[in-house]
């Protein structure tokens, strides 16, 4: 996913390991995607689209 974000949006993604199975995507402190809320990992390209529509 980090490579996808780098390629598509020219950004550096940062992985913050916190455990507990949490997988959230935050952009400038705003929640863009949450595995907890959706019950699944994002599909390829899904996060890029969400960030682009922000």
PDB file of N, CA and C in Angstrom:
ATOM      1  N   UNK A   1       0.814  -1.182   0.000  1.00  0.00           N
ATOM      2  CA  UNK A   1       0.000   0.000   0.000  1.00  0.00           C
ATOM      3  C   UNK A   1       0.862   1.252   0.000  1.00  0.00           C
ATOM      4  N   UNK A   2       1.960   1.242   0.750  1.00  0.00           N
ATOM      5  CA  UNK A   2       2.844   2.409   0.778  1.00  0.00           C
ATOM      6  C   UNK A   2       3.377   2.709  -0.621  1.00  0.00           C
ATOM      7  N   UNK A   3       3.743   1.668  -1.359  1.00  0.00           N
ATOM      8  CA  UNK A   3       4.246   1.860  -2.725  1.00  0.00           C
ATOM      9  C   UNK A   3       3.160   2.438  -3.624  1.00  0.00           C
ATOM     10  N   UNK A   4       1.943   1.984  -3.466  1.00  0.00           N
ATOM     11  CA  UNK A   4       0.817   2.494  -4.249  1.00  0.00           C
ATOM     12  C   UNK A   4       0.594   3.984  -3.973  1.00  0.00           C
ATOM     13  N   UNK A   5       0.614   4.366  -2.706  1.00  0.00           N
ATOM     14  CA  UNK A   5       0.413   5.769  -2.355  1.00  0.00           C
ATOM     15  C   UNK A   5       1.558   6.639  -2.859  1.00  0.00           C
ATOM     16  N   UNK A   6       2.758   6.113  -2.779  1.00  0.00           N
ATOM     17  CA  UNK A   6       3.913   6.855  -3.277  1.00  0.00           C
ATOM     18  C   UNK A   6       3.809   7.072  -4.783  1.00  0.00           C
ATOM     19  N   UNK A   7       3.462   6.018  -5.494  1.00  0.00           N
ATOM     20  CA  UNK A   7       3.362   6.089  -6.955  1.00  0.00           C
ATOM     21  C   UNK A   7       2.199   6.961  -7.407  1.00  0.00           C
ATOM     22  N   UNK A   8       1.026   6.752  -6.847  1.00  0.00           N
ATOM     23  CA  UNK A   8      -0.181   7.439  -7.307  1.00  0.00           C
ATOM     24  C   UNK A   8      -0.301   8.877  -6.813  1.00  0.00           C
ATOM     25  N   UNK A   9       0.160   9.138  -5.585  1.00  0.00           N
ATOM     26  CA  UNK A   9      -0.050  10.455  -4.986  1.00  0.00           C
ATOM     27  C   UNK A   9       1.242  11.189  -4.644  1.00  0.00           C
ATOM     28  N   UNK A  10       2.385  10.538  -4.886  1.00  0.00           N
ATOM     29  CA  UNK A  10       3.687  11.124  -4.584  1.00  0.00           C
ATOM     30  C   UNK A  10       3.777  11.562  -3.120  1.00  0.00           C
ATOM     31  N   UNK A  11       3.401  10.640  -2.230  1.00  0.00           N
ATOM     32  CA  UNK A  11       3.482  10.894  -0.788  1.00  0.00           C
ATOM     33  C   UNK A  11       4.268   9.771  -0.115  1.00  0.00           C
ATOM     34  N   UNK A  12       4.804  10.080   1.045  1.00  0.00           N
ATOM     35  CA  UNK A  12       5.498   9.069   1.836  1.00  0.00           C
ATOM     36  C   UNK A  12       4.546   8.575   2.917  1.00  0.00           C
ATOM     37  N   UNK A  13       4.235   7.291   2.891  1.00  0.00           N
ATOM     38  CA  UNK A  13       3.346   6.701   3.887  1.00  0.00           C
ATOM     39  C   UNK A  13       4.159   6.275   5.096  1.00  0.00           C
ATOM     40  N   UNK A  14       3.573   6.400   6.262  1.00  0.00           N
ATOM     41  CA  UNK A  14       4.243   6.028   7.505  1.00  0.00           C
ATOM     42  C   UNK A  14       3.423   4.956   8.213  1.00  0.00           C
ATOM     43  N   UNK A  15       4.058   3.839   8.524  1.00  0.00           N
ATOM     44  CA  UNK A  15       3.405   2.761   9.246  1.00  0.00           C
ATOM     45  C   UNK A  15       3.645   2.958  10.735  1.00  0.00           C
ATOM     46  N   UNK A  16       2.573   3.012  11.479  1.00  0.00           N
ATOM     47  CA  UNK A  16       2.663   3.172  12.937  1.00  0.00           C
ATOM     48  C   UNK A  16       2.084   1.924  13.572  1.00  0.00           C
ATOM     49  N   UNK A  17       2.944   1.006  13.955  1.00  0.00           N
ATOM     50  CA  UNK A  17       2.498  -0.248  14.553  1.00  0.00           C
ATOM     51  C   UNK A  17       1.990   0.005  15.965  1.00  0.00           C
ATOM     52  N   UNK A  18       0.733  -0.383  16.188  1.00  0.00           N
ATOM     53  CA  UNK A  18       0.131  -0.183  17.501  1.00  0.00           C
ATOM     54  C   UNK A  18      -0.477  -1.481  18.025  1.00  0.00           C
ATOM     55  N   UNK A  19      -0.549  -2.489  17.164  1.00  0.00           N
ATOM     56  CA  UNK A  19      -1.112  -3.761  17.586  1.00  0.00           C
ATOM     57  C   UNK A  19      -2.625  -3.750  17.610  1.00  0.00           C
ATOM     58  N   UNK A  20      -3.199  -4.728  18.208  1.00  0.00           N
ATOM     59  CA  UNK A  20      -4.642  -4.865  18.389  1.00  0.00           C
ATOM     60  C   UNK A  20      -5.413  -5.036  17.081  1.00  0.00           C
ATOM     61  N   UNK A  21      -4.724  -5.285  15.950  1.00  0.00           N
ATOM     62  CA  UNK A  21      -5.405  -5.511  14.677  1.00  0.00           C
ATOM     63  C   UNK A  21      -6.012  -4.266  14.059  1.00  0.00           C
ATOM     64  N   UNK A  22      -5.630  -3.109  14.563  1.00  0.00           N
ATOM     65  CA  UNK A  22      -6.171  -1.852  14.041  1.00  0.00           C
ATOM     66  C   UNK A  22      -5.466  -1.509  12.741  1.00  0.00           C
ATOM     67  N   UNK A  23      -6.228  -1.101  11.731  1.00  0.00           N
ATOM     68  CA  UNK A  23      -5.670  -0.650  10.466  1.00  0.00           C
ATOM     69  C   UNK A  23      -6.462   0.567  10.047  1.00  0.00           C
ATOM     70  N   UNK A  24      -5.958   1.730  10.380  1.00  0.00           N
ATOM     71  CA  UNK A  24      -6.612   2.991  10.034  1.00  0.00           C
ATOM     72  C   UNK A  24      -5.706   3.794   9.125  1.00  0.00           C
ATOM     73  N   UNK A  25      -6.301   4.548   8.225  1.00  0.00           N
ATOM     74  CA  UNK A  25      -5.564   5.459   7.351  1.00  0.00           C
ATOM     75  C   UNK A  25      -5.978   6.868   7.743  1.00  0.00           C
ATOM     76  N   UNK A  26      -4.981   7.661   8.150  1.00  0.00           N
ATOM     77  CA  UNK A  26      -5.224   9.051   8.517  1.00  0.00           C
ATOM     78  C   UNK A  26      -4.454   9.960   7.575  1.00  0.00           C
ATOM     79  N   UNK A  27      -5.091  11.047   7.173  1.00  0.00           N
ATOM     80  CA  UNK A  27      -4.441  12.062   6.353  1.00  0.00           C
ATOM     81  C   UNK A  27      -4.612  13.379   7.075  1.00  0.00           C
ATOM     82  N   UNK A  28      -3.505  13.969   7.462  1.00  0.00           N
ATOM     83  CA  UNK A  28      -3.532  15.229   8.226  1.00  0.00           C
ATOM     84  C   UNK A  28      -4.427  15.118   9.456  1.00  0.00           C
ATOM     85  N   UNK A  29      -4.371  13.951  10.117  1.00  0.00           N
ATOM     86  CA  UNK A  29      -5.131  13.733  11.338  1.00  0.00           C
ATOM     87  C   UNK A  29      -6.593  13.355  11.135  1.00  0.00           C
ATOM     88  N   UNK A  30      -7.045  13.307   9.883  1.00  0.00           N
ATOM     89  CA  UNK A  30      -8.441  12.962   9.575  1.00  0.00           C
ATOM     90  C   UNK A  30      -8.525  11.490   9.148  1.00  0.00           C
ATOM     91  N   UNK A  31      -9.453  10.744   9.759  1.00  0.00           N
ATOM     92  CA  UNK A  31      -9.629   9.327   9.428  1.00  0.00           C
ATOM     93  C   UNK A  31     -10.219   9.199   8.025  1.00  0.00           C
ATOM     94  N   UNK A  32      -9.486   8.504   7.151  1.00  0.00           N
ATOM     95  CA  UNK A  32      -9.916   8.287   5.769  1.00  0.00           C
ATOM     96  C   UNK A  32     -10.487   6.883   5.585  1.00  0.00           C
ATOM     97  N   UNK A  33      -9.863   5.905   6.262  1.00  0.00           N
ATOM     98  CA  UNK A  33     -10.300   4.511   6.142  1.00  0.00           C
ATOM     99  C   UNK A  33     -10.059   3.800   7.456  1.00  0.00           C
ATOM    100  N   UNK A  34     -10.997   2.945   7.849  1.00  0.00           N
ATOM    101  CA  UNK A  34     -10.860   2.168   9.069  1.00  0.00           C
ATOM    102  C   UNK A  34     -11.279   0.726   8.821  1.00  0.00           C
ATOM    103  N   UNK A  35     -10.348  -0.189   9.050  1.00  0.00           N
ATOM    104  CA  UNK A  35     -10.669  -1.618   8.947  1.00  0.00           C
ATOM    105  C   UNK A  35     -11.709  -1.991  10.007  1.00  0.00           C
ATOM    106  N   UNK A  36     -11.624  -1.376  11.163  1.00  0.00           N
ATOM    107  CA  UNK A  36     -12.589  -1.646  12.240  1.00  0.00           C
ATOM    108  C   UNK A  36     -14.009  -1.300  11.784  1.00  0.00           C
ATOM    109  N   UNK A  37     -14.169  -0.163  11.118  1.00  0.00           N
ATOM    110  CA  UNK A  37     -15.503   0.257  10.671  1.00  0.00           C
ATOM    111  C   UNK A  37     -16.023  -0.575   9.504  1.00  0.00           C
ATOM    112  N   UNK A  38     -15.126  -0.968   8.579  1.00  0.00           N
ATOM    113  CA  UNK A  38     -15.563  -1.705   7.391  1.00  0.00           C
ATOM    114  C   UNK A  38     -15.514  -3.220   7.571  1.00  0.00           C
ATOM    115  N   UNK A  39     -14.693  -3.687   8.526  1.00  0.00           N
ATOM    116  CA  UNK A  39     -14.554  -5.116   8.740  1.00  0.00           C
ATOM    117  C   UNK A  39     -13.658  -5.809   7.737  1.00  0.00           C
ATOM    118  N   UNK A  40     -12.895  -5.027   6.972  1.00  0.00           N
ATOM    119  CA  UNK A  40     -12.027  -5.610   5.945  1.00  0.00           C
ATOM    120  C   UNK A  40     -10.871  -4.660   5.646  1.00  0.00           C
ATOM    121  N   UNK A  41      -9.844  -5.209   4.989  1.00  0.00           N
ATOM    122  CA  UNK A  41      -8.757  -4.379   4.493  1.00  0.00           C
ATOM    123  C   UNK A  41      -9.223  -3.703   3.205  1.00  0.00           C
ATOM    124  N   UNK A  42      -8.665  -2.558   2.875  1.00  0.00           N
ATOM    125  CA  UNK A  42      -9.072  -1.879   1.640  1.00  0.00           C
ATOM    126  C   UNK A  42      -8.610  -2.639   0.402  1.00  0.00           C
ATOM    127  N   UNK A  43      -9.386  -2.520  -0.654  1.00  0.00           N
ATOM    128  CA  UNK A  43      -9.036  -3.105  -1.949  1.00  0.00           C
ATOM    129  C   UNK A  43      -7.923  -2.261  -2.577  1.00  0.00           C
ATOM    130  N   UNK A  44      -7.157  -2.853  -3.510  1.00  0.00           N
ATOM    131  CA  UNK A  44      -6.136  -2.062  -4.204  1.00  0.00           C
ATOM    132  C   UNK A  44      -6.762  -0.828  -4.868  1.00  0.00           C
ATOM    133  N   UNK A  45      -6.156   0.318  -4.664  1.00  0.00           N
ATOM    134  CA  UNK A  45      -6.650   1.568  -5.251  1.00  0.00           C
ATOM    135  C   UNK A  45      -7.721   2.274  -4.439  1.00  0.00           C
ATOM    136  N   UNK A  46      -8.321   1.589  -3.484  1.00  0.00           N
ATOM    137  CA  UNK A  46      -9.429   2.170  -2.714  1.00  0.00           C
ATOM    138  C   UNK A  46      -8.985   3.369  -1.878  1.00  0.00           C
ATOM    139  N   UNK A  47      -7.875   3.237  -1.176  1.00  0.00           N
ATOM    140  CA  UNK A  47      -7.400   4.327  -0.333  1.00  0.00           C
ATOM    141  C   UNK A  47      -6.976   5.517  -1.187  1.00  0.00           C
ATOM    142  N   UNK A  48      -6.314   5.247  -2.308  1.00  0.00           N
ATOM    143  CA  UNK A  48      -5.909   6.321  -3.221  1.00  0.00           C
ATOM    144  C   UNK A  48      -7.131   7.117  -3.669  1.00  0.00           C
ATOM    145  N   UNK A  49      -8.205   6.435  -4.000  1.00  0.00           N
ATOM    146  CA  UNK A  49      -9.436   7.112  -4.425  1.00  0.00           C
ATOM    147  C   UNK A  49     -10.027   7.923  -3.286  1.00  0.00           C
ATOM    148  N   UNK A  50     -10.035   7.374  -2.087  1.00  0.00           N
ATOM    149  CA  UNK A  50     -10.584   8.095  -0.936  1.00  0.00           C
ATOM    150  C   UNK A  50      -9.783   9.361  -0.630  1.00  0.00           C
ATOM    151  N   UNK A  51      -8.475   9.264  -0.723  1.00  0.00           N
ATOM    152  CA  UNK A  51      -7.633  10.425  -0.466  1.00  0.00           C
ATOM    153  C   UNK A  51      -7.830  11.464  -1.553  1.00  0.00           C
ATOM    154  N   UNK A  52      -7.930  11.006  -2.784  1.00  0.00           N
ATOM    155  CA  UNK A  52      -8.132  11.920  -3.916  1.00  0.00           C
ATOM    156  C   UNK A  52      -9.449  12.650  -3.867  1.00  0.00           C
ATOM    157  N   UNK A  53     -10.467  12.061  -3.217  1.00  0.00           N
ATOM    158  CA  UNK A  53     -11.786  12.695  -3.134  1.00  0.00           C
ATOM    159  C   UNK A  53     -11.923  13.557  -1.904  1.00  0.00           C
ATOM    160  N   UNK A  54     -10.855  13.581  -1.077  1.00  0.00           N
ATOM    161  CA  UNK A  54     -10.884  14.338   0.182  1.00  0.00           C
ATOM    162  C   UNK A  54     -10.889  15.826  -0.088  1.00  0.00           C
TER     163      UNK A  54
END
